[in-house]
Each structure stands twice: as C-alpha cells, then as structure tokens.
Amino acid sequence: MTAQLDIRDLHAYYGHSHILQGVNLHVLPGEIVGVLGRNGAGRSTLLKAIIAQVRVTGQIRFCGEEITGLPTYDIANKGIAYVPESRDIFPTLTVEQNLLLGQNKQSAHSQWTLGSVYDMFTQLEKRKHIHAGRLSGGEQQLLSLSRAMMGNPSLLLIDEPTEGLSPHMIDTVAGYLERIRASGVSILLIEQKQSFILQVAQRVCVMGRGRIVFEGKPQSLQGDAVVAEWLEV
C-alpha cells in the first residue's frame, strides 16, 4: 500500500539548534501511527516540520506530492489538519463560532459539516452557544479535534491529546479517534501515555534524540528493553 504521508531524511532546526536529525516515517491510508518518546526527543517538532512551522531539509510527501517548503495554508488546503497540544481554541467565541472558523470553504464536497460534527461530538452540540473558555479541559480538547475535522482533512496531526484529561475523558477521546479513523482519516499521534497508544494505534514509532529509534506494532513495545530505555523518565 502506498503511504499517504512519506517522510525521508527529515532535519529540522530552531535557529542553530538541530532538533530532527534524519527522521524517516510513513503513515498509510486509514492508519493511526503513534509516536512516543521522552520530552525533548523532537516529537512536537516533527508535527511542526510537516506543517512548515520550522526550518527543514529533507523530503515530505503527501499523497505522492512533495510538500516540503510549501506555506502552511497550502499544506492545510491539501488536506492536513493540526491539533496542537495547547488546543488553541478562541475562548471568547462560542463553540459553534470556533467550529465555523475551521471550515474549509474551498472544499466543494465536505464530509465534515456542523451537522456531521455534532452527530459525532454530541457533547459539543449541547454546548454550541457557550463561550469556549467556559468548557472543561476535556471539552476543549474535543472542540479542538472537531474544529480540525471541519477542514475536511484526510490526515490529522495531533499533539498530546490526553494531556491533563481524566481517565474517563481519555477513553472518550480514544473512541472518537477510532471513529475518525473509521471515516477514512489517517492520524499521526504524538503521545506520552504508552497505554493510550496501545489502545488506539495500529503502528508505533519511538523517537530519541531527534531520530526514530523503534518502529513496530504497539504490542511489541511491551518487554522490549531497548524501547524501555528510550521511554523511561
């Protein structure tokens, strides 16, 4: 199967700091790929590199097309959406206003509309006239996810979606990610919680010092001494 996202020898820089040091990674259509690693391993930088928020060298191909060097808005219009760890909702706007800001008006046939988003995220429909700043942390995470879906992406980049969430809300987010994948959207997921990766991902990569140091099935993480060394705090 041809990769939807194919990254080859990717290097990324913050000023003179060399963060990503030759990353090779791919995401297949309809797949959730989880990326684990210690803080500072380069995981969040990987997502920012894909959407042109840091300086890079190497090759990033999406649906067979080279996107390295394109501006962020062009990358988004090609079907890549980004959900940052900070969620970046607009607290003084209502839930529905936040969702409408994510709408891709260039898409003639959008699978994701207010109606379809509310069908999936029923919790948000009940709160659609509430200012987003009044939502709980879990509800804000769902809003950030659903706003990204309003752009009608085929690939979703998500950074630490379970950060600060209760166990119940973590299970809720896991269920939504599986439903999003079942709709045909691929997901590249940055996460700290190994248990969450085991729950949702079809394949997992471990990052260490700006490189991919392990790739395989989530179950193969368990009991692997080399992987444990890269993941221990």
Protein backbone atom coordinates (compact mmCIF):
# COMPACT_ATOMS: atom_id res chain seq x y z
CA MET A 1 0.00 0.00 0.00
CA THR A 2 1.31 3.45 -0.93
CA ALA A 3 1.98 5.74 2.02
CA GLN A 4 -0.27 8.76 2.41
CA LEU A 5 2.49 10.62 4.28
CA ASP A 6 6.09 9.72 3.48
CA ILE A 7 8.97 11.46 5.30
CA ARG A 8 12.58 10.86 4.27
CA ASP A 9 15.77 12.10 5.96
CA LEU A 10 13.97 15.00 7.63
CA HIS A 11 16.05 17.53 9.56
CA ALA A 12 14.55 20.46 11.47
CA TYR A 13 16.10 23.48 13.15
CA TYR A 14 15.23 26.16 15.69
CA GLY A 15 17.82 28.79 14.90
CA HIS A 16 21.17 26.98 15.23
CA SER A 17 19.65 24.09 17.22
CA HIS A 18 19.45 20.89 15.17
CA ILE A 19 16.32 19.12 16.52
CA LEU A 20 15.28 16.47 13.98
CA GLN A 21 18.28 14.52 12.72
CA GLY A 22 17.25 12.39 9.78
CA VAL A 23 13.70 11.21 10.56
CA ASN A 24 12.19 8.55 8.29
CA LEU A 25 8.50 7.85 8.87
CA HIS A 26 5.36 6.99 6.93
CA VAL A 27 1.61 6.85 7.54
CA LEU A 28 -0.62 4.57 5.48
CA PRO A 29 -4.20 5.47 4.49
CA GLY A 30 -6.66 4.72 7.29
CA GLU A 31 -3.93 4.19 9.89
CA ILE A 32 -3.20 5.66 13.31
CA VAL A 33 0.54 5.90 13.91
CA GLY A 34 1.55 6.76 17.47
CA VAL A 35 4.85 8.48 18.28
CA LEU A 36 6.27 8.00 21.78
CA GLY A 37 9.41 9.44 23.36
CA ARG A 38 10.81 11.48 26.19
CA ASN A 39 10.26 15.22 26.40
CA GLY A 40 12.80 16.88 24.14
CA ALA A 41 13.04 13.94 21.75
CA GLY A 42 11.66 16.03 18.87
CA ARG A 43 8.11 14.67 18.66
CA SER A 44 6.26 18.01 18.62
CA THR A 45 8.87 19.44 16.28
CA LEU A 46 8.06 16.62 13.86
CA LEU A 47 4.46 17.83 13.53
CA LYS A 48 5.55 21.45 13.20
CA ALA A 49 8.01 20.43 10.49
CA ILE A 50 5.23 18.77 8.48
CA ILE A 51 3.11 21.95 8.55
CA ALA A 52 6.05 24.28 7.80
CA GLN A 53 6.35 25.91 11.22
CA VAL A 54 10.10 25.26 11.50
CA ARG A 55 13.02 25.32 9.07
CA VAL A 56 13.61 21.89 7.50
CA THR A 57 15.65 19.95 4.98
CA GLY A 58 14.74 16.56 3.60
CA GLN A 59 11.60 15.30 1.91
CA ILE A 60 7.95 15.34 2.98
CA ARG A 61 5.49 13.81 0.51
CA PHE A 62 1.73 13.80 0.98
CA CYS A 63 -0.46 11.71 -1.33
CA GLY A 64 2.55 11.37 -3.63
CA GLU A 65 3.17 15.14 -3.84
CA GLU A 66 6.20 16.94 -2.46
CA ILE A 67 5.04 19.48 0.13
CA THR A 68 8.40 20.42 1.66
CA GLY A 69 8.78 24.19 1.54
CA LEU A 70 5.12 24.98 0.88
CA PRO A 71 3.46 27.59 3.11
CA THR A 72 1.29 26.31 5.95
CA TYR A 73 -2.01 27.40 4.37
CA ASP A 74 -1.24 25.43 1.19
CA ILE A 75 -0.45 22.34 3.24
CA ALA A 76 -3.75 22.72 5.13
CA ASN A 77 -5.69 23.12 1.88
CA LYS A 78 -4.18 19.88 0.59
CA GLY A 79 -5.85 18.01 3.45
CA ILE A 80 -3.58 18.07 6.53
CA ALA A 81 -5.01 19.36 9.83
CA TYR A 82 -3.08 20.06 13.03
CA VAL A 83 -4.35 19.83 16.62
CA PRO A 84 -1.70 21.42 18.90
CA GLU A 85 -1.07 20.41 22.50
CA SER A 86 -2.22 23.91 23.57
CA ARG A 87 -5.56 23.30 21.74
CA ASP A 88 -5.61 26.98 20.64
CA ILE A 89 -9.35 27.49 20.90
CA PHE A 90 -10.78 31.03 20.93
CA PRO A 91 -12.15 31.35 24.49
CA THR A 92 -14.36 34.40 23.88
CA LEU A 93 -16.10 32.82 20.87
CA THR A 94 -18.85 30.24 21.16
CA VAL A 95 -18.30 26.58 20.42
CA GLU A 96 -20.10 26.93 17.10
CA GLN A 97 -18.12 30.03 16.11
CA ASN A 98 -14.90 28.13 16.82
CA LEU A 99 -16.09 25.29 14.59
CA LEU A 100 -17.02 27.60 11.73
CA LEU A 101 -13.52 29.10 11.82
CA GLY A 102 -12.17 25.65 10.93
CA GLN A 103 -14.42 25.24 7.91
CA ASN A 104 -12.70 24.66 4.56
CA LYS A 105 -14.74 26.78 2.18
CA GLN A 106 -12.65 25.63 -0.80
CA SER A 107 -13.93 22.08 -0.47
CA ALA A 108 -16.93 21.54 -2.75
CA HIS A 109 -17.96 18.23 -1.15
CA SER A 110 -17.16 18.29 2.55
CA GLN A 111 -17.69 15.15 4.57
CA TRP A 112 -17.43 17.19 7.76
CA THR A 113 -20.10 19.83 8.38
CA LEU A 114 -21.61 21.26 11.54
CA GLY A 115 -24.23 18.54 11.33
CA SER A 116 -21.79 15.65 10.99
CA VAL A 117 -19.51 17.07 13.67
CA TYR A 118 -22.43 17.41 16.08
CA ASP A 119 -23.54 13.87 15.22
CA MET A 120 -20.16 12.57 16.37
CA PHE A 121 -19.39 15.07 19.13
CA THR A 122 -22.85 15.20 20.70
CA GLN A 123 -21.39 16.77 23.83
CA LEU A 124 -20.44 19.85 21.82
CA GLU A 125 -23.86 20.29 20.25
CA LYS A 126 -25.35 20.72 23.71
CA ARG A 127 -22.77 23.45 24.39
CA LYS A 128 -22.71 25.12 20.97
CA HIS A 129 -23.83 28.55 22.25
CA ILE A 130 -21.44 28.52 25.23
CA HIS A 131 -18.19 30.52 25.13
CA ALA A 132 -15.37 28.05 24.54
CA GLY A 133 -13.43 29.39 27.52
CA ARG A 134 -16.13 28.00 29.81
CA LEU A 135 -15.65 24.42 28.62
CA SER A 136 -13.80 21.83 30.68
CA GLY A 137 -10.33 20.75 29.55
CA GLY A 138 -11.76 17.61 28.01
CA GLU A 139 -14.46 19.53 26.15
CA GLN A 140 -11.85 21.97 24.85
CA GLN A 141 -9.86 19.02 23.51
CA LEU A 142 -12.96 17.71 21.72
CA LEU A 143 -13.58 21.20 20.31
CA SER A 144 -10.02 21.42 19.00
CA LEU A 145 -10.38 17.99 17.38
CA SER A 146 -13.74 18.74 15.83
CA ARG A 147 -12.63 22.16 14.57
CA ALA A 148 -9.75 20.41 12.77
CA MET A 149 -12.26 18.00 11.19
CA MET A 150 -14.26 20.95 9.82
CA GLY A 151 -11.35 21.49 7.43
CA ASN A 152 -12.22 18.12 5.85
CA PRO A 153 -8.69 16.67 6.22
CA SER A 154 -7.50 13.26 5.09
CA LEU A 155 -4.59 13.38 7.58
CA LEU A 156 -4.83 14.60 11.17
CA LEU A 157 -1.73 15.58 13.19
CA ILE A 158 -2.46 15.51 16.93
CA ASP A 159 -0.07 16.57 19.71
CA GLU A 160 -0.63 15.12 23.22
CA PRO A 161 -4.46 14.89 23.16
CA THR A 162 -4.70 13.26 26.61
CA GLU A 163 -2.62 15.85 28.49
CA GLY A 164 -4.44 16.86 31.68
CA LEU A 165 -7.55 14.78 30.98
CA SER A 166 -9.39 12.48 33.38
CA PRO A 167 -9.33 8.70 32.71
CA HIS A 168 -12.97 8.87 31.56
CA MET A 169 -12.25 11.66 29.09
CA ILE A 170 -9.15 9.83 27.83
CA ASP A 171 -11.36 6.86 26.96
CA THR A 172 -13.80 9.26 25.27
CA VAL A 173 -11.02 10.75 23.13
CA ALA A 174 -9.81 7.24 22.21
CA GLY A 175 -13.30 6.35 21.00
CA TYR A 176 -13.51 9.50 18.89
CA LEU A 177 -10.10 8.88 17.30
CA GLU A 178 -11.19 5.39 16.28
CA ARG A 179 -14.40 6.78 14.76
CA ILE A 180 -12.41 9.43 12.88
CA ARG A 181 -10.07 6.73 11.53
CA ALA A 182 -13.06 4.60 10.53
CA SER A 183 -14.34 7.56 8.49
CA GLY A 184 -11.18 7.33 6.34
CA VAL A 185 -8.95 9.90 8.04
CA SER A 186 -5.37 8.88 8.89
CA ILE A 187 -3.82 10.10 12.15
CA LEU A 188 -0.24 10.84 13.24
CA LEU A 189 -0.46 10.97 17.02
CA ILE A 190 2.12 12.34 19.47
CA GLU A 191 1.55 10.90 22.93
CA GLN A 192 3.25 10.31 26.28
CA LYS A 193 0.94 7.61 27.60
CA GLN A 194 2.01 4.21 26.31
CA SER A 195 -1.32 2.72 27.43
CA PHE A 196 -3.20 5.15 25.18
CA ILE A 197 -1.01 4.26 22.19
CA LEU A 198 -1.68 0.56 22.82
CA GLN A 199 -5.40 1.36 22.83
CA VAL A 200 -5.68 3.32 19.57
CA ALA A 201 -2.64 2.89 17.28
CA GLN A 202 -2.05 0.31 14.55
CA ARG A 203 1.67 1.09 14.48
CA VAL A 204 4.04 2.92 16.82
CA CYS A 205 7.33 4.78 16.47
CA VAL A 206 9.65 5.76 19.31
CA MET A 207 11.75 8.90 18.98
CA GLY A 208 15.05 9.54 20.70
CA ARG A 209 17.48 12.42 20.14
CA GLY A 210 15.71 13.58 17.01
CA ARG A 211 15.54 10.18 15.30
CA ILE A 212 13.16 7.22 15.03
CA VAL A 213 14.78 4.52 17.17
CA PHE A 214 11.97 1.93 17.01
CA GLU A 215 9.05 1.14 14.70
CA GLY A 216 6.59 -1.72 15.00
CA LYS A 217 3.27 -2.98 16.31
CA PRO A 218 2.18 -1.46 19.65
CA GLN A 219 2.26 -4.87 21.34
CA SER A 220 5.95 -5.24 20.52
CA LEU A 221 6.72 -2.32 22.85
CA GLN A 222 5.98 -4.42 25.88
CA GLY A 223 9.03 -6.10 27.33
CA ASP A 224 11.46 -4.53 24.84
CA ALA A 225 14.47 -3.43 26.90
CA VAL A 226 15.84 -1.08 24.25
CA VAL A 227 12.48 0.70 23.89
CA ALA A 228 12.14 0.92 27.68
CA GLU A 229 15.50 2.70 27.85
CA TRP A 230 14.31 5.37 25.38
CA LEU A 231 10.99 5.86 27.17
CA GLU A 232 11.98 5.84 30.84
CA VAL A 233 11.91 9.19 32.60
